[in-house]
N, C-alpha and C. Protein backbone atom coordinates (compact mmCIF):
# COMPACT_ATOMS: atom_id res chain seq x y z
N MET A 1 -3.53 28.91 -2.95
CA MET A 1 -3.18 27.49 -2.85
C MET A 1 -4.12 26.68 -3.72
N THR A 2 -3.58 25.66 -4.37
CA THR A 2 -4.39 24.81 -5.21
C THR A 2 -5.36 24.02 -4.35
N SER A 3 -6.61 23.97 -4.77
CA SER A 3 -7.61 23.29 -3.97
C SER A 3 -7.43 21.78 -4.06
N SER A 4 -7.98 21.07 -3.06
CA SER A 4 -7.91 19.62 -3.07
C SER A 4 -8.67 19.07 -4.26
N ARG A 5 -9.76 19.75 -4.64
CA ARG A 5 -10.55 19.26 -5.76
C ARG A 5 -9.71 19.24 -7.03
N SER A 6 -8.97 20.33 -7.28
CA SER A 6 -8.14 20.36 -8.48
C SER A 6 -6.95 19.43 -8.34
N ARG A 7 -6.45 19.24 -7.11
CA ARG A 7 -5.35 18.31 -6.92
C ARG A 7 -5.78 16.89 -7.24
N LEU A 8 -7.03 16.58 -6.95
CA LEU A 8 -7.51 15.24 -7.23
C LEU A 8 -7.71 15.00 -8.72
N LEU A 9 -7.69 16.06 -9.50
CA LEU A 9 -7.85 15.94 -10.95
C LEU A 9 -9.16 15.23 -11.25
N GLU A 10 -9.15 14.28 -12.17
CA GLU A 10 -10.35 13.54 -12.50
C GLU A 10 -10.32 12.21 -11.77
N PHE A 11 -11.44 11.86 -11.14
CA PHE A 11 -11.45 10.61 -10.40
C PHE A 11 -11.23 9.41 -11.31
N GLY A 12 -11.54 9.56 -12.59
CA GLY A 12 -11.29 8.46 -13.50
C GLY A 12 -9.81 8.19 -13.69
N ASP A 13 -8.97 9.18 -13.46
CA ASP A 13 -7.53 9.02 -13.66
C ASP A 13 -6.76 8.96 -12.35
N THR A 14 -7.29 9.59 -11.32
CA THR A 14 -6.52 9.68 -10.07
C THR A 14 -7.43 9.44 -8.89
N ILE A 15 -6.80 9.09 -7.80
CA ILE A 15 -7.50 9.08 -6.51
C ILE A 15 -6.45 9.33 -5.46
N VAL A 16 -5.90 8.29 -4.85
CA VAL A 16 -4.77 8.50 -3.97
C VAL A 16 -3.63 9.07 -4.77
N GLY A 17 -3.62 8.84 -6.08
CA GLY A 17 -2.54 9.29 -6.94
C GLY A 17 -2.30 10.77 -6.94
N ALA A 18 -3.26 11.57 -6.48
CA ALA A 18 -3.07 13.01 -6.52
C ALA A 18 -3.00 13.63 -5.14
N VAL A 19 -2.93 12.82 -4.12
CA VAL A 19 -2.90 13.34 -2.77
C VAL A 19 -1.73 14.30 -2.60
N GLY A 20 -2.02 15.49 -2.13
CA GLY A 20 -0.98 16.47 -1.88
C GLY A 20 -0.21 16.87 -3.12
N GLY A 21 -0.74 16.54 -4.31
CA GLY A 21 -0.03 16.85 -5.54
C GLY A 21 1.25 16.05 -5.68
N GLN A 22 1.41 14.98 -4.89
CA GLN A 22 2.67 14.26 -4.86
C GLN A 22 2.59 12.84 -5.38
N ILE A 23 1.54 12.12 -5.06
CA ILE A 23 1.48 10.72 -5.45
C ILE A 23 0.83 10.62 -6.82
N HIS A 24 1.60 10.25 -7.81
CA HIS A 24 1.11 10.31 -9.18
C HIS A 24 0.88 8.92 -9.78
N TYR A 25 0.99 7.88 -8.98
CA TYR A 25 0.97 6.56 -9.58
C TYR A 25 -0.40 6.16 -10.12
N TRP A 26 -1.47 6.79 -9.64
CA TRP A 26 -2.80 6.38 -10.09
C TRP A 26 -2.96 6.54 -11.59
N LYS A 27 -2.43 7.60 -12.15
CA LYS A 27 -2.57 7.80 -13.59
C LYS A 27 -1.48 7.10 -14.37
N HIS A 28 -0.64 6.33 -13.68
CA HIS A 28 0.39 5.55 -14.36
C HIS A 28 0.13 4.07 -14.12
N GLY A 29 -1.13 3.67 -14.19
CA GLY A 29 -1.48 2.27 -14.08
C GLY A 29 -2.06 1.86 -12.75
N ALA A 30 -2.23 2.79 -11.82
CA ALA A 30 -2.69 2.42 -10.49
C ALA A 30 -4.20 2.24 -10.41
N ALA A 31 -4.90 2.39 -11.54
CA ALA A 31 -6.33 2.11 -11.52
C ALA A 31 -6.57 0.67 -11.09
N SER A 32 -5.59 -0.19 -11.33
CA SER A 32 -5.73 -1.59 -10.95
C SER A 32 -5.05 -1.91 -9.63
N PHE A 33 -4.48 -0.90 -8.97
CA PHE A 33 -3.81 -1.14 -7.69
C PHE A 33 -4.83 -1.66 -6.67
N PRO A 34 -4.44 -2.61 -5.84
CA PRO A 34 -5.32 -3.01 -4.74
C PRO A 34 -5.36 -1.94 -3.66
N HIS A 35 -6.50 -1.83 -3.00
CA HIS A 35 -6.69 -0.91 -1.88
C HIS A 35 -7.03 -1.72 -0.65
N PHE A 36 -6.47 -1.32 0.49
CA PHE A 36 -6.71 -2.03 1.73
C PHE A 36 -6.99 -1.06 2.86
N LEU A 37 -7.84 -1.50 3.77
CA LEU A 37 -8.09 -0.77 5.01
C LEU A 37 -7.38 -1.52 6.13
N LEU A 38 -6.49 -0.83 6.83
CA LEU A 38 -5.75 -1.41 7.95
C LEU A 38 -6.26 -0.85 9.26
N SER A 39 -6.54 -1.71 10.21
CA SER A 39 -6.88 -1.26 11.56
C SER A 39 -5.60 -1.12 12.36
N VAL A 40 -5.39 0.07 12.93
CA VAL A 40 -4.15 0.37 13.64
C VAL A 40 -4.51 1.00 14.99
N ARG A 41 -3.83 0.58 16.03
CA ARG A 41 -4.10 1.12 17.37
C ARG A 41 -3.65 2.58 17.47
N PRO A 42 -4.35 3.38 18.30
CA PRO A 42 -4.06 4.83 18.38
C PRO A 42 -2.60 5.20 18.59
N PRO A 43 -1.84 4.56 19.49
CA PRO A 43 -0.44 4.98 19.65
C PRO A 43 0.38 4.83 18.38
N HIS A 44 0.09 3.77 17.62
CA HIS A 44 0.83 3.54 16.38
C HIS A 44 0.38 4.51 15.28
N VAL A 45 -0.91 4.85 15.28
CA VAL A 45 -1.39 5.86 14.34
C VAL A 45 -0.69 7.18 14.59
N GLU A 46 -0.56 7.51 15.86
CA GLU A 46 0.12 8.76 16.22
C GLU A 46 1.54 8.79 15.67
N SER A 47 2.24 7.67 15.79
CA SER A 47 3.62 7.59 15.29
C SER A 47 3.67 7.64 13.77
N ILE A 48 2.69 7.02 13.12
CA ILE A 48 2.65 7.05 11.65
C ILE A 48 2.42 8.47 11.16
N LEU A 49 1.46 9.16 11.76
CA LEU A 49 1.13 10.52 11.33
C LEU A 49 2.24 11.51 11.66
N ALA A 50 3.04 11.19 12.66
CA ALA A 50 4.16 12.06 13.01
C ALA A 50 5.40 11.75 12.20
N GLY A 51 5.35 10.72 11.37
CA GLY A 51 6.49 10.37 10.54
C GLY A 51 7.54 9.54 11.24
N ARG A 52 7.24 9.08 12.47
CA ARG A 52 8.22 8.29 13.22
C ARG A 52 8.13 6.80 12.89
N LYS A 53 7.00 6.37 12.40
CA LYS A 53 6.77 4.96 12.08
C LYS A 53 6.45 4.84 10.60
N THR A 54 7.33 4.22 9.84
CA THR A 54 7.13 4.08 8.39
C THR A 54 6.99 2.63 7.96
N VAL A 55 7.00 1.73 8.91
CA VAL A 55 6.79 0.31 8.63
C VAL A 55 5.75 -0.23 9.60
N GLU A 56 4.77 -0.91 9.05
CA GLU A 56 3.73 -1.55 9.86
C GLU A 56 3.95 -3.06 9.82
N PHE A 57 4.03 -3.67 10.98
CA PHE A 57 4.24 -5.12 11.07
C PHE A 57 2.89 -5.82 11.18
N ARG A 58 2.77 -6.94 10.47
CA ARG A 58 1.55 -7.73 10.52
C ARG A 58 1.89 -9.22 10.58
N ARG A 59 1.19 -9.91 11.46
CA ARG A 59 1.33 -11.36 11.51
C ARG A 59 0.71 -12.01 10.27
N ARG A 60 -0.31 -11.38 9.77
CA ARG A 60 -1.02 -11.92 8.60
C ARG A 60 -1.37 -10.78 7.66
N PHE A 61 -1.10 -10.97 6.39
CA PHE A 61 -1.51 -9.98 5.40
C PHE A 61 -1.54 -10.64 4.02
N GLN A 62 -2.71 -10.71 3.42
CA GLN A 62 -2.87 -11.30 2.10
C GLN A 62 -3.07 -10.19 1.09
N GLY A 63 -2.03 -9.40 0.93
CA GLY A 63 -2.16 -8.18 0.15
C GLY A 63 -1.80 -8.29 -1.31
N GLY A 64 -1.32 -9.45 -1.74
CA GLY A 64 -0.97 -9.58 -3.15
C GLY A 64 0.22 -8.71 -3.51
N THR A 65 0.10 -8.02 -4.64
CA THR A 65 1.23 -7.28 -5.18
C THR A 65 1.33 -5.89 -4.56
N THR A 66 2.49 -5.31 -4.70
CA THR A 66 2.72 -3.91 -4.35
C THR A 66 3.28 -3.22 -5.59
N PRO A 67 3.12 -1.89 -5.70
CA PRO A 67 2.55 -1.00 -4.69
C PRO A 67 1.04 -1.15 -4.56
N CYS A 68 0.54 -0.71 -3.43
CA CYS A 68 -0.89 -0.71 -3.20
C CYS A 68 -1.23 0.51 -2.35
N ALA A 69 -2.50 0.83 -2.29
CA ALA A 69 -2.97 1.96 -1.49
C ALA A 69 -3.48 1.43 -0.15
N VAL A 70 -3.12 2.12 0.91
CA VAL A 70 -3.48 1.72 2.26
C VAL A 70 -4.27 2.84 2.93
N TRP A 71 -5.40 2.48 3.51
CA TRP A 71 -6.22 3.42 4.28
C TRP A 71 -6.10 3.02 5.74
N ILE A 72 -5.85 3.99 6.58
CA ILE A 72 -5.56 3.71 7.99
C ILE A 72 -6.77 4.02 8.85
N TYR A 73 -7.29 2.96 9.47
CA TYR A 73 -8.40 3.10 10.41
C TYR A 73 -7.84 3.08 11.82
N GLU A 74 -8.06 4.17 12.56
CA GLU A 74 -7.62 4.24 13.94
C GLU A 74 -8.68 3.62 14.83
N THR A 75 -8.29 2.61 15.59
CA THR A 75 -9.25 1.88 16.41
C THR A 75 -9.75 2.74 17.57
N ARG A 76 -10.67 2.19 18.33
CA ARG A 76 -11.28 2.93 19.44
C ARG A 76 -10.23 3.36 20.46
N PRO A 77 -10.46 4.53 21.06
CA PRO A 77 -11.72 5.29 21.10
C PRO A 77 -11.97 6.21 19.90
N ALA A 78 -10.98 6.45 19.04
CA ALA A 78 -11.19 7.36 17.91
C ALA A 78 -12.18 6.75 16.91
N ALA A 79 -11.95 5.50 16.51
CA ALA A 79 -12.85 4.76 15.63
C ALA A 79 -13.16 5.51 14.34
N ARG A 80 -12.11 5.77 13.54
CA ARG A 80 -12.32 6.49 12.28
C ARG A 80 -11.15 6.27 11.33
N VAL A 81 -11.42 6.46 10.04
CA VAL A 81 -10.39 6.40 9.01
C VAL A 81 -9.71 7.76 8.98
N VAL A 82 -8.41 7.79 9.23
CA VAL A 82 -7.73 9.06 9.44
C VAL A 82 -6.72 9.44 8.35
N ALA A 83 -6.29 8.47 7.52
CA ALA A 83 -5.23 8.79 6.58
C ALA A 83 -5.19 7.78 5.45
N CYS A 84 -4.50 8.15 4.39
CA CYS A 84 -4.20 7.22 3.29
C CYS A 84 -2.69 7.23 3.08
N ALA A 85 -2.19 6.17 2.46
CA ALA A 85 -0.75 6.04 2.27
C ALA A 85 -0.48 5.12 1.10
N THR A 86 0.77 5.07 0.71
CA THR A 86 1.23 4.13 -0.30
C THR A 86 2.05 3.05 0.39
N CYS A 87 1.77 1.82 0.07
CA CYS A 87 2.65 0.72 0.46
C CYS A 87 3.46 0.35 -0.77
N ARG A 88 4.69 0.82 -0.81
CA ARG A 88 5.53 0.61 -1.98
C ARG A 88 6.18 -0.76 -1.98
N HIS A 89 6.31 -1.35 -0.81
CA HIS A 89 7.02 -2.62 -0.71
C HIS A 89 6.48 -3.42 0.46
N ARG A 90 6.33 -4.70 0.27
CA ARG A 90 5.90 -5.60 1.34
C ARG A 90 6.87 -6.76 1.40
N GLU A 91 7.33 -7.07 2.60
CA GLU A 91 8.30 -8.14 2.77
C GLU A 91 7.78 -9.15 3.79
N ARG A 92 7.93 -10.41 3.48
CA ARG A 92 7.54 -11.48 4.39
C ARG A 92 8.77 -12.33 4.69
N ASP A 93 9.08 -12.51 5.96
CA ASP A 93 10.28 -13.25 6.32
C ASP A 93 10.19 -13.65 7.80
N ARG A 94 11.22 -14.33 8.26
CA ARG A 94 11.29 -14.68 9.67
C ARG A 94 11.31 -13.41 10.52
N PRO A 95 10.72 -13.45 11.71
CA PRO A 95 10.70 -12.25 12.55
C PRO A 95 12.06 -11.62 12.79
N ASP A 96 13.10 -12.44 13.01
CA ASP A 96 14.41 -11.86 13.28
C ASP A 96 14.96 -11.11 12.08
N ARG A 97 14.67 -11.62 10.89
CA ARG A 97 15.14 -10.94 9.68
C ARG A 97 14.33 -9.67 9.41
N ILE A 98 13.03 -9.74 9.67
CA ILE A 98 12.20 -8.55 9.51
C ILE A 98 12.67 -7.45 10.46
N TRP A 99 12.96 -7.82 11.70
CA TRP A 99 13.43 -6.81 12.65
C TRP A 99 14.77 -6.24 12.23
N LEU A 100 15.66 -7.09 11.75
CA LEU A 100 16.97 -6.63 11.32
C LEU A 100 16.85 -5.61 10.19
N GLY A 101 15.92 -5.84 9.28
CA GLY A 101 15.77 -4.94 8.14
C GLY A 101 14.90 -3.73 8.40
N HIS A 102 13.94 -3.84 9.34
CA HIS A 102 12.94 -2.78 9.48
C HIS A 102 12.70 -2.32 10.91
N GLY A 103 13.41 -2.89 11.87
CA GLY A 103 13.14 -2.56 13.27
C GLY A 103 13.22 -1.09 13.59
N GLU A 104 14.21 -0.40 13.02
CA GLU A 104 14.39 1.02 13.32
C GLU A 104 13.25 1.88 12.78
N SER A 105 12.53 1.36 11.78
CA SER A 105 11.44 2.12 11.17
C SER A 105 10.07 1.71 11.69
N GLY A 106 10.04 0.72 12.58
CA GLY A 106 8.76 0.17 13.01
C GLY A 106 8.07 0.91 14.12
N GLY A 107 8.78 1.81 14.80
CA GLY A 107 8.15 2.63 15.82
C GLY A 107 7.76 1.90 17.09
N ILE A 108 8.31 0.69 17.31
CA ILE A 108 8.03 -0.05 18.54
C ILE A 108 9.32 -0.63 19.09
N ALA A 109 9.30 -0.98 20.37
CA ALA A 109 10.47 -1.56 21.01
C ALA A 109 10.62 -3.03 20.60
N LYS A 110 11.84 -3.52 20.69
CA LYS A 110 12.14 -4.89 20.29
C LYS A 110 11.33 -5.89 21.11
N GLU A 111 11.17 -5.66 22.40
CA GLU A 111 10.43 -6.62 23.21
C GLU A 111 8.95 -6.67 22.83
N ILE A 112 8.40 -5.54 22.41
CA ILE A 112 7.01 -5.52 21.95
C ILE A 112 6.88 -6.28 20.63
N PHE A 113 7.84 -6.06 19.73
CA PHE A 113 7.85 -6.79 18.47
C PHE A 113 7.96 -8.29 18.71
N ASP A 114 8.85 -8.69 19.59
CA ASP A 114 9.04 -10.11 19.87
C ASP A 114 7.78 -10.74 20.45
N ALA A 115 7.11 -10.01 21.34
CA ALA A 115 5.87 -10.53 21.92
C ALA A 115 4.78 -10.65 20.85
N TYR A 116 4.71 -9.67 19.96
CA TYR A 116 3.72 -9.68 18.89
C TYR A 116 3.95 -10.85 17.94
N CYS A 117 5.21 -11.16 17.67
CA CYS A 117 5.55 -12.20 16.69
C CYS A 117 5.69 -13.58 17.31
N ASP A 118 5.47 -13.69 18.60
CA ASP A 118 5.65 -14.97 19.28
C ASP A 118 4.81 -16.06 18.63
N GLY A 119 5.46 -17.15 18.26
CA GLY A 119 4.76 -18.26 17.64
C GLY A 119 4.65 -18.18 16.13
N CYS A 120 5.11 -17.08 15.53
CA CYS A 120 5.03 -16.91 14.08
C CYS A 120 6.33 -17.35 13.41
N GLU A 121 6.22 -18.14 12.37
CA GLU A 121 7.39 -18.49 11.58
C GLU A 121 7.78 -17.35 10.65
N ALA A 122 6.80 -16.57 10.24
CA ALA A 122 7.06 -15.44 9.35
C ALA A 122 6.07 -14.33 9.64
N VAL A 123 6.50 -13.10 9.42
CA VAL A 123 5.65 -11.93 9.58
C VAL A 123 5.85 -11.01 8.38
N HIS A 124 4.97 -10.03 8.26
CA HIS A 124 5.00 -9.09 7.14
C HIS A 124 5.46 -7.71 7.60
N ALA A 125 6.21 -7.05 6.76
CA ALA A 125 6.58 -5.65 6.97
C ALA A 125 6.02 -4.85 5.81
N LEU A 126 5.11 -3.92 6.10
CA LEU A 126 4.52 -3.06 5.08
C LEU A 126 5.24 -1.72 5.14
N VAL A 127 5.95 -1.39 4.08
CA VAL A 127 6.73 -0.15 4.05
C VAL A 127 5.83 0.96 3.52
N LEU A 128 5.51 1.93 4.37
CA LEU A 128 4.58 3.00 4.03
C LEU A 128 5.32 4.25 3.60
N SER A 129 4.73 4.97 2.66
CA SER A 129 5.28 6.25 2.23
C SER A 129 4.13 7.18 1.89
N LEU A 130 4.43 8.47 1.83
CA LEU A 130 3.45 9.49 1.49
C LEU A 130 2.16 9.35 2.31
N VAL A 131 2.35 9.17 3.59
CA VAL A 131 1.20 9.11 4.50
C VAL A 131 0.54 10.49 4.54
N THR A 132 -0.76 10.52 4.28
CA THR A 132 -1.46 11.80 4.17
C THR A 132 -2.73 11.80 5.01
N PRO A 133 -2.78 12.60 6.08
CA PRO A 133 -4.00 12.69 6.90
C PRO A 133 -5.17 13.22 6.08
N LEU A 134 -6.34 12.67 6.31
CA LEU A 134 -7.55 13.17 5.67
C LEU A 134 -8.03 14.41 6.41
N PRO A 135 -8.32 15.50 5.70
CA PRO A 135 -8.85 16.70 6.36
C PRO A 135 -10.12 16.42 7.16
N HIS A 136 -10.91 15.46 6.67
CA HIS A 136 -12.15 15.09 7.35
C HIS A 136 -12.13 13.58 7.61
N PRO A 137 -11.64 13.15 8.76
CA PRO A 137 -11.62 11.72 9.06
C PRO A 137 -13.02 11.12 8.95
N LEU A 138 -13.08 9.86 8.55
CA LEU A 138 -14.36 9.19 8.34
C LEU A 138 -14.74 8.41 9.59
N SER A 139 -15.87 8.75 10.16
CA SER A 139 -16.33 8.08 11.38
C SER A 139 -16.67 6.63 11.08
N ILE A 140 -16.84 5.86 12.13
CA ILE A 140 -17.17 4.46 11.96
C ILE A 140 -18.53 4.30 11.29
N ASP A 141 -19.45 5.22 11.53
CA ASP A 141 -20.76 5.15 10.87
C ASP A 141 -20.63 5.39 9.38
N VAL A 142 -19.83 6.38 9.00
CA VAL A 142 -19.59 6.65 7.57
C VAL A 142 -18.88 5.46 6.94
N LEU A 143 -17.91 4.91 7.63
CA LEU A 143 -17.19 3.74 7.13
C LEU A 143 -18.14 2.61 6.81
N ARG A 144 -19.07 2.34 7.70
CA ARG A 144 -20.01 1.24 7.48
C ARG A 144 -21.01 1.56 6.39
N ASP A 145 -21.41 2.83 6.29
CA ASP A 145 -22.32 3.23 5.21
C ASP A 145 -21.67 3.04 3.85
N VAL A 146 -20.40 3.39 3.75
CA VAL A 146 -19.70 3.34 2.46
C VAL A 146 -19.20 1.94 2.13
N ALA A 147 -18.61 1.27 3.12
CA ALA A 147 -17.94 -0.01 2.86
C ALA A 147 -18.76 -1.23 3.23
N GLY A 148 -19.88 -1.03 3.90
CA GLY A 148 -20.75 -2.15 4.20
C GLY A 148 -20.51 -2.79 5.55
N LYS A 149 -21.22 -3.87 5.79
CA LYS A 149 -21.14 -4.57 7.06
C LYS A 149 -19.77 -5.23 7.21
N GLY A 150 -19.45 -5.56 8.43
CA GLY A 150 -18.17 -6.19 8.68
C GLY A 150 -17.04 -5.21 8.85
N MET A 151 -17.37 -3.93 8.87
CA MET A 151 -16.36 -2.89 9.07
C MET A 151 -16.48 -2.33 10.49
N PRO A 152 -15.39 -1.99 11.10
CA PRO A 152 -14.02 -2.09 10.62
C PRO A 152 -13.48 -3.51 10.79
N PRO A 153 -12.43 -3.86 10.05
CA PRO A 153 -11.84 -5.19 10.20
C PRO A 153 -10.99 -5.29 11.46
N MET A 154 -10.82 -6.49 11.97
CA MET A 154 -9.92 -6.69 13.10
C MET A 154 -8.47 -6.43 12.70
N ASN A 155 -8.14 -6.80 11.46
CA ASN A 155 -6.76 -6.67 10.98
C ASN A 155 -6.72 -5.81 9.73
N PHE A 156 -7.21 -6.35 8.62
CA PHE A 156 -7.23 -5.60 7.36
C PHE A 156 -8.37 -6.11 6.51
N ARG A 157 -8.71 -5.34 5.49
CA ARG A 157 -9.77 -5.73 4.56
C ARG A 157 -9.48 -5.08 3.21
N SER A 158 -9.63 -5.83 2.15
CA SER A 158 -9.47 -5.25 0.82
C SER A 158 -10.69 -4.38 0.51
N LEU A 159 -10.48 -3.35 -0.32
CA LEU A 159 -11.53 -2.41 -0.67
C LEU A 159 -11.73 -2.38 -2.18
N GLU A 160 -12.97 -2.22 -2.59
CA GLU A 160 -13.23 -1.99 -4.00
C GLU A 160 -12.82 -0.57 -4.37
N ARG A 161 -12.52 -0.38 -5.64
CA ARG A 161 -12.07 0.95 -6.07
C ARG A 161 -13.14 2.00 -5.81
N LYS A 162 -14.40 1.66 -6.04
CA LYS A 162 -15.46 2.65 -5.83
C LYS A 162 -15.55 3.06 -4.36
N THR A 163 -15.24 2.12 -3.47
CA THR A 163 -15.22 2.44 -2.05
C THR A 163 -14.08 3.39 -1.73
N ALA A 164 -12.90 3.12 -2.31
CA ALA A 164 -11.75 4.00 -2.11
C ALA A 164 -12.03 5.40 -2.64
N GLU A 165 -12.72 5.49 -3.76
CA GLU A 165 -13.08 6.79 -4.32
C GLU A 165 -13.99 7.56 -3.37
N GLN A 166 -14.93 6.85 -2.75
CA GLN A 166 -15.81 7.49 -1.78
C GLN A 166 -15.04 7.93 -0.55
N PHE A 167 -14.11 7.10 -0.11
CA PHE A 167 -13.26 7.50 1.02
C PHE A 167 -12.56 8.81 0.73
N MET A 168 -11.96 8.90 -0.46
CA MET A 168 -11.21 10.11 -0.80
C MET A 168 -12.13 11.32 -0.91
N LYS A 169 -13.25 11.14 -1.57
CA LYS A 169 -14.18 12.26 -1.75
C LYS A 169 -14.67 12.78 -0.40
N LEU A 170 -15.10 11.88 0.47
CA LEU A 170 -15.62 12.30 1.77
C LEU A 170 -14.50 12.80 2.68
N GLY A 171 -13.33 12.20 2.57
CA GLY A 171 -12.21 12.61 3.40
C GLY A 171 -11.66 13.97 3.04
N VAL A 172 -11.81 14.36 1.78
CA VAL A 172 -11.33 15.66 1.31
C VAL A 172 -12.39 16.73 1.49
N GLU A 173 -13.63 16.42 1.13
CA GLU A 173 -14.68 17.43 1.12
C GLU A 173 -15.47 17.50 2.41
N GLY A 174 -15.60 16.39 3.11
CA GLY A 174 -16.41 16.38 4.31
C GLY A 174 -17.88 16.52 4.00
N PRO A 175 -18.73 16.59 5.00
CA PRO A 175 -20.17 16.69 4.77
C PRO A 175 -20.59 17.98 4.09
N SER A 176 -19.77 19.02 4.20
CA SER A 176 -20.14 20.31 3.61
C SER A 176 -19.86 20.37 2.11
N GLY A 177 -19.05 19.42 1.60
CA GLY A 177 -18.67 19.46 0.19
C GLY A 177 -17.57 20.45 -0.10
N ARG A 178 -16.96 21.04 0.94
CA ARG A 178 -15.88 22.01 0.75
C ARG A 178 -14.55 21.28 0.75
N SER A 179 -13.71 21.56 -0.24
CA SER A 179 -12.41 20.91 -0.33
C SER A 179 -11.40 21.56 0.60
N ASP A 180 -10.63 20.75 1.28
CA ASP A 180 -9.56 21.23 2.15
C ASP A 180 -8.23 20.66 1.68
N PRO A 181 -7.13 21.34 2.02
CA PRO A 181 -5.82 20.88 1.55
C PRO A 181 -5.43 19.52 2.12
N LEU A 182 -4.66 18.78 1.33
CA LEU A 182 -4.08 17.52 1.77
C LEU A 182 -2.58 17.73 1.91
N VAL A 183 -2.02 17.36 3.05
CA VAL A 183 -0.61 17.63 3.32
C VAL A 183 0.08 16.34 3.74
N PRO A 184 0.93 15.76 2.90
CA PRO A 184 1.67 14.56 3.31
C PRO A 184 2.55 14.85 4.52
N VAL A 185 2.57 13.94 5.49
CA VAL A 185 3.32 14.21 6.71
C VAL A 185 4.82 14.22 6.46
N GLN A 186 5.29 13.56 5.41
CA GLN A 186 6.72 13.59 5.14
C GLN A 186 7.20 14.98 4.81
N GLU A 187 6.33 15.81 4.23
CA GLU A 187 6.71 17.17 3.88
C GLU A 187 6.52 18.11 5.05
N HIS A 188 5.49 17.88 5.82
CA HIS A 188 5.14 18.82 6.89
C HIS A 188 4.87 18.04 8.17
N VAL A 189 5.90 17.48 8.75
CA VAL A 189 5.74 16.69 9.96
C VAL A 189 5.13 17.53 11.08
N ALA A 190 5.42 18.81 11.08
CA ALA A 190 4.87 19.68 12.12
C ALA A 190 3.36 19.73 12.07
N ASN A 191 2.77 19.40 10.92
CA ASN A 191 1.32 19.43 10.78
C ASN A 191 0.67 18.10 11.14
N ALA A 192 1.48 17.10 11.48
CA ALA A 192 0.91 15.81 11.86
C ALA A 192 0.06 15.98 13.12
N TRP A 193 -0.95 15.15 13.24
CA TRP A 193 -1.89 15.31 14.35
C TRP A 193 -1.23 15.04 15.68
N ARG A 194 -1.69 15.76 16.68
CA ARG A 194 -1.27 15.55 18.05
C ARG A 194 -2.53 15.23 18.87
N PRO A 195 -2.37 14.53 19.98
CA PRO A 195 -3.56 14.20 20.77
C PRO A 195 -4.38 15.43 21.15
N SER A 196 -3.72 16.57 21.34
CA SER A 196 -4.41 17.77 21.81
C SER A 196 -5.33 18.38 20.77
N ASP A 197 -5.09 18.08 19.46
CA ASP A 197 -5.93 18.73 18.46
C ASP A 197 -6.80 17.75 17.70
N ARG A 198 -6.95 16.54 18.18
CA ARG A 198 -7.78 15.58 17.48
C ARG A 198 -9.23 16.02 17.42
N LYS A 199 -9.75 16.52 18.55
CA LYS A 199 -11.16 16.92 18.57
C LYS A 199 -11.40 18.09 17.64
N GLU A 200 -10.42 18.96 17.50
CA GLU A 200 -10.59 20.12 16.63
C GLU A 200 -10.65 19.70 15.17
N ARG A 201 -9.99 18.56 14.82
CA ARG A 201 -9.94 18.14 13.44
C ARG A 201 -11.07 17.19 13.08
N SER A 202 -11.78 16.68 14.05
CA SER A 202 -12.83 15.71 13.76
C SER A 202 -14.11 16.41 13.31
């Protein structure tokens, strides 16, 4: 099997772009892509990693252009960066229109969506693809060491490219420096994390 190190190619040309040998946009102009860290609650992370949730709803998101790279921080009790993904499309509209277009992909019930959007004239739908779990999730201590104070964000935070490169390097190699395979959940949903094996993967 091709190692993660070789899949990542050269960091000057690729980063998220080589995850799983599938995402190639980094070497096609994605050096300038924005990177964001999203804080996501554990039940929703579980659905994202299982491939059941491909749209993330946000009341607020100042993400600029798409596509962009998204790093998923699972909130407490896990408290770690667990995956990277591509946001190929972002839509902002009235809640009813967002639900009409993306409700089936959002992984939540309509009443939960309505409660979340209560009082909002418009909400954001982030369409995620090529969600890829990190072989070595980044603990909250590592996150703060790499990305600085103020981490993790309550909602989202933009990341510098050098920070994203460190995320990828540490997420692939871990503290031992050994590269492990990256497997997009869309290809291998059976390999998506389950609550029973989280401790084994940490």
